[in-house]
Amino acid sequence: MRLLHTSDWHLGRSFHRVSLLEAQAAYLDHLVATVREREVDAVLVSGDVYDRAVPPLSAVELFDRALHRLAAAGVPTVMISGNHDSARRLGVGAGLFERAGIHLRTDPEGCATPVVLTDDHGDVALYGLPYLEPALVKDALRAPKAGHEAVLTAAMDRVRADLAARPAGTRSVVLAHAFVAGGEPSDSERDITVGGVAAVPAGVFDGVDYVALGHLHGSQRVTERVRYSGSPLAYSFSEDGHRKTMWLIDLDGDGNIAAEERIDCPVERPLARLRGRLDTLLEDPGLDRHEHAWVEATLTDPVRPADPMARLARRFPHTLSLVFDPERPPEDPLASYAQRLKGRDDHQIAEDFVAHVRGGSGPSDLERTVLRAAFDDVRVDESVREVSR
């Protein structure tokens, strides 16, 4: 059975205030063409269909056209909600869509009800695990605690129980939206940390033949059977080194990966991250190849130059981001402060603040627990309010 694994479309997202709608439409054209040309048996969409819970009408219309075209191709599509989606909104009409071969899986309690497809070797059960926000699904899944590993384990226990009751030789595929340990993140994924932990071990998914993951935007293998397709477009400059692709996976009669291929996605415009003094960036002939790219320029001039964006735009007309990182001696207090903040999340910065106002003494273990709980509560509350709008 040939599977096309994709995820993280983020329909409606812009890139530094530049609309990506045309690029997203070109990607969906490419997706449908690939389905037809490569004789795909099932399309897997592993969450974050939209970029936010209440997407703009243009994104909804693009999604609607994509569903019609996939249904017209006669190829089953299994789709789950991600942490950016409103599960309830995305799931509206799921029963009706199912008649057209579009299988939306947005209800956590339905995670053990698979879409069953059949080929010459027998059945393939495809299980859709939507994004599981621990605080919201713990009770429904009867998980022992509100953590990512606990709720995913509870969901997978249900999947394994259903699979065990099926005929011997039934192959299995799981779609999930999560941060699995061993995956390489980028700057464009929304933080899903709970209790200081974001990642879950790959072993949570033991017992199935293929796991089609969404959430991380780089295409990658966690294990041979557990993979991220990544996003089809770049959504931050941290993805400048990504090769944007979809996984084309052939499962044989024993559930092994008989063949695999990364199908490249169309690139509207490449990314370039440039660094140096302004005069160097404007004069270096080696940078000619970036003149048509989306550009993030980091200026290292000790003193901020005049009109840097306008001057850069004359050579690099698609400059979208301007960062200042002036060259400073190591003993400069401003340099050390920036270095301390670099790569630290909100919770770590809060702990640093506590240590600062106390003159060096950081929070106790109990205070760290209170801080984590506060950040978790705010994140869950924001998620609930966004969905309820």
Protein backbone atom coordinates (compact mmCIF):
# COMPACT_ATOMS: atom_id res chain seq x y z
CA MET A 1 0.00 0.00 0.00
CA ARG A 2 1.41 3.35 -1.05
CA LEU A 3 1.04 6.18 1.49
CA LEU A 4 1.73 9.89 0.99
CA HIS A 5 2.62 11.42 4.36
CA THR A 6 2.30 15.19 4.77
CA SER A 7 1.57 17.59 7.63
CA ASP A 8 1.75 21.15 8.94
CA TRP A 9 0.15 22.96 6.03
CA HIS A 10 -0.59 25.98 8.29
CA LEU A 11 -3.06 27.39 5.79
CA GLY A 12 -3.51 31.12 6.34
CA ARG A 13 -0.03 31.72 7.71
CA SER A 14 2.08 34.62 6.52
CA PHE A 15 5.86 34.90 6.46
CA HIS A 16 7.01 38.14 8.09
CA ARG A 17 3.68 39.70 7.04
CA VAL A 18 3.97 38.43 3.45
CA SER A 19 0.98 36.29 2.44
CA LEU A 20 1.81 32.70 1.58
CA LEU A 21 -1.60 31.86 0.18
CA GLU A 22 -0.40 31.54 -3.43
CA ALA A 23 2.54 29.37 -2.37
CA GLN A 24 0.22 27.18 -0.30
CA ALA A 25 -2.15 26.85 -3.26
CA ALA A 26 0.81 25.81 -5.46
CA TYR A 27 1.76 23.19 -2.89
CA LEU A 28 -1.75 21.74 -2.83
CA ASP A 29 -1.72 21.61 -6.65
CA HIS A 30 1.53 19.65 -6.35
CA LEU A 31 0.03 17.36 -3.71
CA VAL A 32 -2.98 16.45 -5.86
CA ALA A 33 -0.76 15.95 -8.93
CA THR A 34 1.52 13.64 -6.93
CA VAL A 35 -1.47 11.61 -5.72
CA ARG A 36 -2.56 11.04 -9.30
CA GLU A 37 0.83 10.57 -10.94
CA ARG A 38 2.34 8.29 -8.31
CA GLU A 39 -0.81 6.19 -7.85
CA VAL A 40 -1.06 6.87 -4.13
CA ASP A 41 -3.42 4.63 -2.14
CA ALA A 42 -3.93 6.94 0.86
CA VAL A 43 -3.00 10.49 1.87
CA LEU A 44 -2.01 11.11 5.49
CA VAL A 45 -2.22 14.67 6.88
CA SER A 46 -0.76 14.77 10.39
CA GLY A 47 -2.18 17.97 11.82
CA ASP A 48 -1.86 21.75 11.76
CA VAL A 49 -4.01 22.01 8.67
CA TYR A 50 -4.65 25.65 9.58
CA ASP A 51 -2.32 28.11 11.26
CA ARG A 52 -4.82 29.18 13.90
CA ALA A 53 -8.06 28.05 15.48
CA VAL A 54 -10.11 30.68 13.63
CA PRO A 55 -8.55 30.78 10.15
CA PRO A 56 -9.24 33.51 7.57
CA LEU A 57 -11.88 32.82 4.94
CA SER A 58 -9.24 32.60 2.20
CA ALA A 59 -7.57 29.70 4.04
CA VAL A 60 -10.90 27.92 4.55
CA GLU A 61 -11.69 28.26 0.83
CA LEU A 62 -8.27 26.85 -0.08
CA PHE A 63 -8.85 23.90 2.25
CA ASP A 64 -12.30 23.33 0.79
CA ARG A 65 -10.92 23.22 -2.76
CA ALA A 66 -8.21 20.77 -1.68
CA LEU A 67 -10.78 18.42 -0.13
CA HIS A 68 -12.93 18.48 -3.26
CA ARG A 69 -9.92 17.63 -5.44
CA LEU A 70 -8.71 14.82 -3.19
CA ALA A 71 -12.22 13.37 -3.09
CA ALA A 72 -12.48 13.63 -6.89
CA ALA A 73 -9.20 11.70 -7.20
CA GLY A 74 -10.87 8.81 -5.40
CA VAL A 75 -7.97 8.38 -2.98
CA PRO A 76 -8.80 8.10 0.75
CA THR A 77 -7.43 10.91 2.92
CA VAL A 78 -6.93 10.60 6.68
CA MET A 79 -6.45 13.90 8.48
CA ILE A 80 -5.97 14.82 12.15
CA SER A 81 -6.09 18.14 13.98
CA GLY A 82 -2.88 19.68 15.34
CA ASN A 83 -2.15 22.09 18.16
CA HIS A 84 -2.78 25.09 15.87
CA ASP A 85 -6.19 23.78 14.75
CA SER A 86 -9.52 24.02 16.49
CA ALA A 87 -10.37 20.32 16.69
CA ARG A 88 -14.09 21.04 16.95
CA ARG A 89 -14.14 23.40 13.98
CA LEU A 90 -12.01 21.15 11.79
CA GLY A 91 -14.22 18.19 12.66
CA VAL A 92 -17.48 19.83 11.61
CA GLY A 93 -19.03 17.73 8.84
CA ALA A 94 -16.68 14.79 9.45
CA GLY A 95 -19.48 12.24 9.06
CA LEU A 96 -20.52 13.69 5.73
CA PHE A 97 -16.94 14.04 4.47
CA GLU A 98 -16.32 10.39 5.28
CA ARG A 99 -18.74 9.38 2.54
CA ALA A 100 -16.41 11.10 0.07
CA GLY A 101 -13.32 9.33 1.42
CA ILE A 102 -12.10 12.24 3.58
CA HIS A 103 -11.62 10.90 7.11
CA LEU A 104 -11.23 13.66 9.73
CA ARG A 105 -10.02 12.48 13.12
CA THR A 106 -10.33 15.30 15.66
CA ASP A 107 -11.95 13.63 18.71
CA PRO A 108 -9.41 12.06 21.12
CA GLU A 109 -11.97 9.49 22.26
CA GLY A 110 -12.16 8.15 18.70
CA CYS A 111 -8.44 7.45 18.44
CA ALA A 112 -8.95 3.65 18.49
CA THR A 113 -11.49 3.69 15.67
CA PRO A 114 -9.38 3.24 12.54
CA VAL A 115 -9.96 3.85 8.88
CA VAL A 116 -9.56 0.37 7.42
CA LEU A 117 -8.28 0.07 3.86
CA THR A 118 -7.68 -3.14 1.95
CA ASP A 119 -5.18 -4.20 -0.69
CA ASP A 120 -4.06 -7.54 -2.15
CA HIS A 121 -2.32 -8.44 1.12
CA GLY A 122 -5.26 -7.72 3.43
CA ASP A 123 -6.27 -4.89 5.76
CA VAL A 124 -4.38 -1.77 6.80
CA ALA A 125 -5.79 0.00 9.89
CA LEU A 126 -5.03 3.72 9.98
CA TYR A 127 -5.47 5.32 13.43
CA GLY A 128 -5.71 9.10 13.80
CA LEU A 129 -4.50 10.59 17.10
CA PRO A 130 -5.27 14.33 17.04
CA TYR A 131 -3.11 16.66 19.09
CA LEU A 132 -3.71 15.71 22.72
CA GLU A 133 -3.55 18.72 25.06
CA PRO A 134 -2.83 16.90 28.34
CA ALA A 135 -4.91 19.07 30.68
CA LEU A 136 -7.94 18.81 28.40
CA VAL A 137 -7.89 15.08 27.50
CA LYS A 138 -6.45 13.42 30.62
CA ASP A 139 -9.83 12.40 32.04
CA ALA A 140 -11.35 11.36 28.71
CA LEU A 141 -8.40 9.02 28.04
CA ARG A 142 -8.15 7.92 31.69
CA ALA A 143 -4.48 8.87 31.75
CA PRO A 144 -2.77 8.72 35.16
CA LYS A 145 -1.53 12.32 34.93
CA ALA A 146 -1.67 15.38 32.70
CA GLY A 147 1.53 15.02 30.70
CA HIS A 148 2.29 14.41 27.03
CA GLU A 149 3.75 10.96 27.55
CA ALA A 150 0.87 9.88 29.80
CA VAL A 151 -1.93 10.90 27.41
CA LEU A 152 -0.17 9.56 24.31
CA THR A 153 0.50 6.27 26.08
CA ALA A 154 -3.15 6.03 27.08
CA ALA A 155 -4.22 6.69 23.48
CA MET A 156 -1.74 4.16 22.09
CA ASP A 157 -2.87 1.54 24.60
CA ARG A 158 -6.33 1.87 23.08
CA VAL A 159 -4.89 1.58 19.58
CA ARG A 160 -2.92 -1.55 20.48
CA ALA A 161 -5.97 -3.10 22.11
CA ASP A 162 -8.07 -2.52 18.99
CA LEU A 163 -5.30 -3.82 16.74
CA ALA A 164 -4.94 -7.00 18.83
CA ALA A 165 -8.61 -7.78 18.27
CA ARG A 166 -8.27 -7.59 14.48
CA PRO A 167 -7.37 -10.46 12.13
CA ALA A 168 -3.76 -11.64 12.30
CA GLY A 169 -1.59 -9.87 9.76
CA THR A 170 -3.52 -6.58 9.88
CA ARG A 171 -0.99 -3.83 9.19
CA SER A 172 -1.14 -0.62 11.17
CA VAL A 173 -0.43 3.07 10.66
CA VAL A 174 -0.75 5.82 13.29
CA LEU A 175 -1.02 9.54 12.58
CA ALA A 176 -0.02 11.71 15.55
CA HIS A 177 0.83 15.33 16.27
CA ALA A 178 3.52 15.55 18.95
CA PHE A 179 7.13 16.38 19.75
CA VAL A 180 8.93 13.02 19.83
CA ALA A 181 12.36 12.80 21.42
CA GLY A 182 15.09 12.71 18.81
CA GLY A 183 13.29 15.12 16.49
CA GLU A 184 15.01 18.38 15.51
CA PRO A 185 12.80 21.46 16.14
CA SER A 186 12.89 24.87 14.47
CA ASP A 187 11.80 28.36 15.56
CA SER A 188 8.40 28.18 13.85
CA GLU A 189 6.68 25.52 15.98
CA ARG A 190 4.45 26.67 18.82
CA ASP A 191 5.73 25.56 22.23
CA ILE A 192 3.75 22.65 23.72
CA THR A 193 5.80 22.22 26.89
CA VAL A 194 3.85 20.88 29.87
CA GLY A 195 5.48 20.67 33.29
CA GLY A 196 8.84 21.49 31.75
CA VAL A 197 8.60 18.57 29.28
CA ALA A 198 7.70 18.86 25.58
CA ALA A 199 9.03 15.64 24.06
CA VAL A 200 7.82 12.05 24.41
CA PRO A 201 9.90 8.91 23.75
CA ALA A 202 9.48 7.16 20.40
CA GLY A 203 8.77 3.95 22.29
CA VAL A 204 5.26 5.24 23.02
CA PHE A 205 4.42 4.15 19.47
CA ASP A 206 5.76 0.60 19.71
CA GLY A 207 3.67 -2.09 18.05
CA VAL A 208 2.64 -0.36 14.81
CA ASP A 209 4.15 -0.52 11.36
CA TYR A 210 4.40 3.17 10.48
CA VAL A 211 3.95 6.39 12.48
CA ALA A 212 3.21 9.51 10.44
CA LEU A 213 4.10 12.45 12.67
CA GLY A 214 3.28 16.12 12.48
CA HIS A 215 4.38 19.17 14.53
CA LEU A 216 8.09 19.55 13.77
CA HIS A 217 8.68 21.39 10.51
CA GLY A 218 11.79 19.55 9.31
CA SER A 219 11.40 16.30 7.35
CA GLN A 220 13.22 13.64 9.37
CA ARG A 221 13.36 10.10 10.68
CA VAL A 222 13.10 9.56 14.43
CA THR A 223 13.38 5.82 13.80
CA GLU A 224 12.95 3.84 10.60
CA ARG A 225 9.21 3.52 11.28
CA VAL A 226 8.61 6.86 13.06
CA ARG A 227 8.96 9.92 10.83
CA TYR A 228 8.07 13.56 10.40
CA SER A 229 7.11 14.79 6.95
CA GLY A 230 7.76 18.39 7.98
CA SER A 231 5.95 21.45 6.68
CA PRO A 232 5.66 21.93 2.91
CA LEU A 233 6.83 25.55 3.12
CA ALA A 234 9.34 27.34 5.32
CA TYR A 235 7.66 29.32 8.07
CA SER A 236 10.74 30.83 9.74
CA PHE A 237 14.30 31.67 8.75
CA SER A 238 15.46 28.88 11.07
CA GLU A 239 14.27 26.52 8.30
CA ASP A 240 16.74 27.87 5.74
CA GLY A 241 18.55 24.53 5.66
CA HIS A 242 15.41 22.39 5.32
CA ARG A 243 14.61 20.39 2.23
CA LYS A 244 10.80 20.61 2.12
CA THR A 245 9.34 17.25 1.12
CA MET A 246 6.60 14.66 1.61
CA TRP A 247 7.26 11.00 2.39
CA LEU A 248 6.08 8.46 -0.18
CA ILE A 249 6.01 5.14 1.69
CA ASP A 250 5.25 1.67 0.32
CA LEU A 251 4.15 -0.88 2.95
CA ASP A 252 4.56 -4.50 1.91
CA GLY A 253 2.30 -7.38 2.95
CA ASP A 254 4.20 -7.81 6.23
CA GLY A 255 4.01 -4.12 7.19
CA ASN A 256 7.65 -3.44 6.31
CA ILE A 257 8.74 -0.34 4.42
CA ALA A 258 9.42 -1.85 1.02
CA ALA A 259 10.24 1.48 -0.64
CA GLU A 260 10.50 5.12 0.35
CA GLU A 261 11.01 8.42 -1.40
CA ARG A 262 11.10 12.07 -0.44
CA ILE A 263 8.95 14.05 -2.87
CA ASP A 264 10.18 17.63 -3.09
CA CYS A 265 7.68 20.45 -2.57
CA PRO A 266 7.70 23.51 -4.85
CA VAL A 267 9.80 26.42 -3.55
CA GLU A 268 8.33 29.82 -4.35
CA ARG A 269 11.44 31.66 -3.17
CA PRO A 270 14.52 30.36 -1.28
CA LEU A 271 15.64 31.68 2.10
CA ALA A 272 18.94 33.35 2.89
CA ARG A 273 20.38 34.34 6.26
CA LEU A 274 23.13 36.91 5.80
CA ARG A 275 25.44 38.21 8.51
CA GLY A 276 28.08 40.92 8.53
CA ARG A 277 28.62 44.66 8.41
CA LEU A 278 26.23 46.53 6.14
CA ASP A 279 28.88 47.69 3.66
CA THR A 280 30.14 44.11 3.31
CA LEU A 281 26.65 42.77 2.59
CA LEU A 282 26.09 45.47 -0.02
CA GLU A 283 29.39 44.96 -1.82
CA ASP A 284 30.24 41.24 -1.57
CA PRO A 285 29.87 39.70 -5.08
CA GLY A 286 29.58 36.26 -3.49
CA LEU A 287 26.10 37.22 -2.30
CA ASP A 288 24.72 37.76 -5.82
CA ARG A 289 22.90 34.42 -5.69
CA HIS A 290 20.73 35.68 -2.80
CA GLU A 291 19.34 38.74 -4.57
CA HIS A 292 16.06 36.97 -5.35
CA ALA A 293 15.71 35.19 -1.98
CA TRP A 294 13.73 36.06 1.13
CA VAL A 295 16.51 37.59 3.24
CA GLU A 296 17.15 37.86 6.96
CA ALA A 297 20.11 40.18 7.49
CA THR A 298 22.00 40.32 10.77
CA LEU A 299 24.12 43.47 10.95
CA THR A 300 27.24 43.35 13.09
CA ASP A 301 28.26 47.02 12.74
CA PRO A 302 29.40 48.36 16.15
CA VAL A 303 27.24 51.44 15.52
CA ARG A 304 23.84 51.11 13.88
CA PRO A 305 24.13 52.42 10.31
CA ALA A 306 21.68 54.90 8.80
CA ASP A 307 18.68 53.59 6.80
CA PRO A 308 19.85 49.97 6.81
CA MET A 309 16.61 48.41 5.54
CA ALA A 310 16.25 50.79 2.61
CA ARG A 311 19.88 50.28 1.60
CA LEU A 312 19.63 46.50 1.87
CA ALA A 313 16.41 46.45 -0.13
CA ARG A 314 18.11 48.11 -3.08
CA ARG A 315 20.32 45.02 -3.49
CA PHE A 316 18.07 42.42 -1.81
CA PRO A 317 14.50 43.58 -2.63
CA HIS A 318 12.95 40.69 -0.68
CA THR A 319 14.59 41.49 2.66
CA LEU A 320 12.02 40.70 5.35
CA SER A 321 13.94 40.66 8.62
CA LEU A 322 16.63 42.92 9.99
CA VAL A 323 18.53 41.93 13.14
CA PHE A 324 21.20 43.92 14.96
CA ASP A 325 23.98 42.01 16.70
CA PRO A 326 26.78 44.54 17.05
CA GLU A 327 30.31 43.36 17.52
CA ARG A 328 31.17 43.97 21.18
CA PRO A 329 34.12 43.01 23.36
CA PRO A 330 33.41 40.00 25.61
CA GLU A 331 33.50 42.16 28.76
CA ASP A 332 30.71 44.44 27.45
CA PRO A 333 27.69 44.00 29.80
CA LEU A 334 25.25 44.33 26.90
CA ALA A 335 26.95 41.46 25.08
CA SER A 336 26.81 39.19 28.12
CA TYR A 337 23.12 39.98 28.73
CA ALA A 338 22.17 39.09 25.15
CA GLN A 339 24.20 35.90 25.41
CA ARG A 340 22.39 34.91 28.62
CA LEU A 341 18.99 35.30 26.95
CA LYS A 342 19.89 33.51 23.72
CA GLY A 343 18.08 30.19 23.33
CA ARG A 344 16.26 30.41 26.68
CA ASP A 345 12.51 29.86 26.96
CA ASP A 346 10.03 31.91 28.99
CA HIS A 347 10.26 29.64 32.02
CA GLN A 348 14.07 29.81 32.11
CA ILE A 349 13.98 33.60 31.77
CA ALA A 350 11.52 33.78 34.69
CA GLU A 351 13.89 31.69 36.80
CA ASP A 352 16.75 34.01 35.81
CA PHE A 353 14.66 36.99 36.94
CA VAL A 354 14.05 35.41 40.35
CA ALA A 355 17.78 34.79 40.70
CA HIS A 356 18.52 38.40 39.66
CA VAL A 357 16.20 40.10 42.16
CA ARG A 358 17.47 37.83 44.95
CA GLY A 359 21.06 38.62 44.20
CA GLY A 360 21.98 35.22 42.77
CA SER A 361 19.74 32.78 44.64
CA GLY A 362 17.41 31.03 42.17
CA PRO A 363 13.95 29.59 42.89
CA SER A 364 13.51 26.55 45.10
CA ASP A 365 12.12 23.28 43.73
CA LEU A 366 8.67 24.23 45.02
CA GLU A 367 8.88 27.65 43.40
CA ARG A 368 9.98 26.07 40.10
CA THR A 369 6.90 23.84 40.26
CA VAL A 370 4.68 26.88 40.86
CA LEU A 371 6.29 28.74 37.94
CA ARG A 372 5.82 25.76 35.59
CA ALA A 373 2.19 25.38 36.66
CA ALA A 374 1.56 29.07 36.02
CA PHE A 375 3.05 28.95 32.53
CA ASP A 376 1.09 25.74 31.77
CA ASP A 377 -2.17 27.28 33.00
CA VAL A 378 -1.68 30.39 30.87
CA ARG A 379 -0.89 28.34 27.75
CA VAL A 380 -3.92 26.06 28.21
CA ASP A 381 -6.18 29.04 29.00
CA GLU A 382 -5.02 30.82 25.83
CA SER A 383 -5.68 27.68 23.80
CA VAL A 384 -9.19 27.27 25.23
CA ARG A 385 -10.05 30.95 24.70
CA GLU A 386 -8.78 30.87 21.10
CA VAL A 387 -10.93 27.84 20.27
CA SER A 388 -14.02 29.29 21.96
CA ARG A 389 -13.98 32.57 20.02
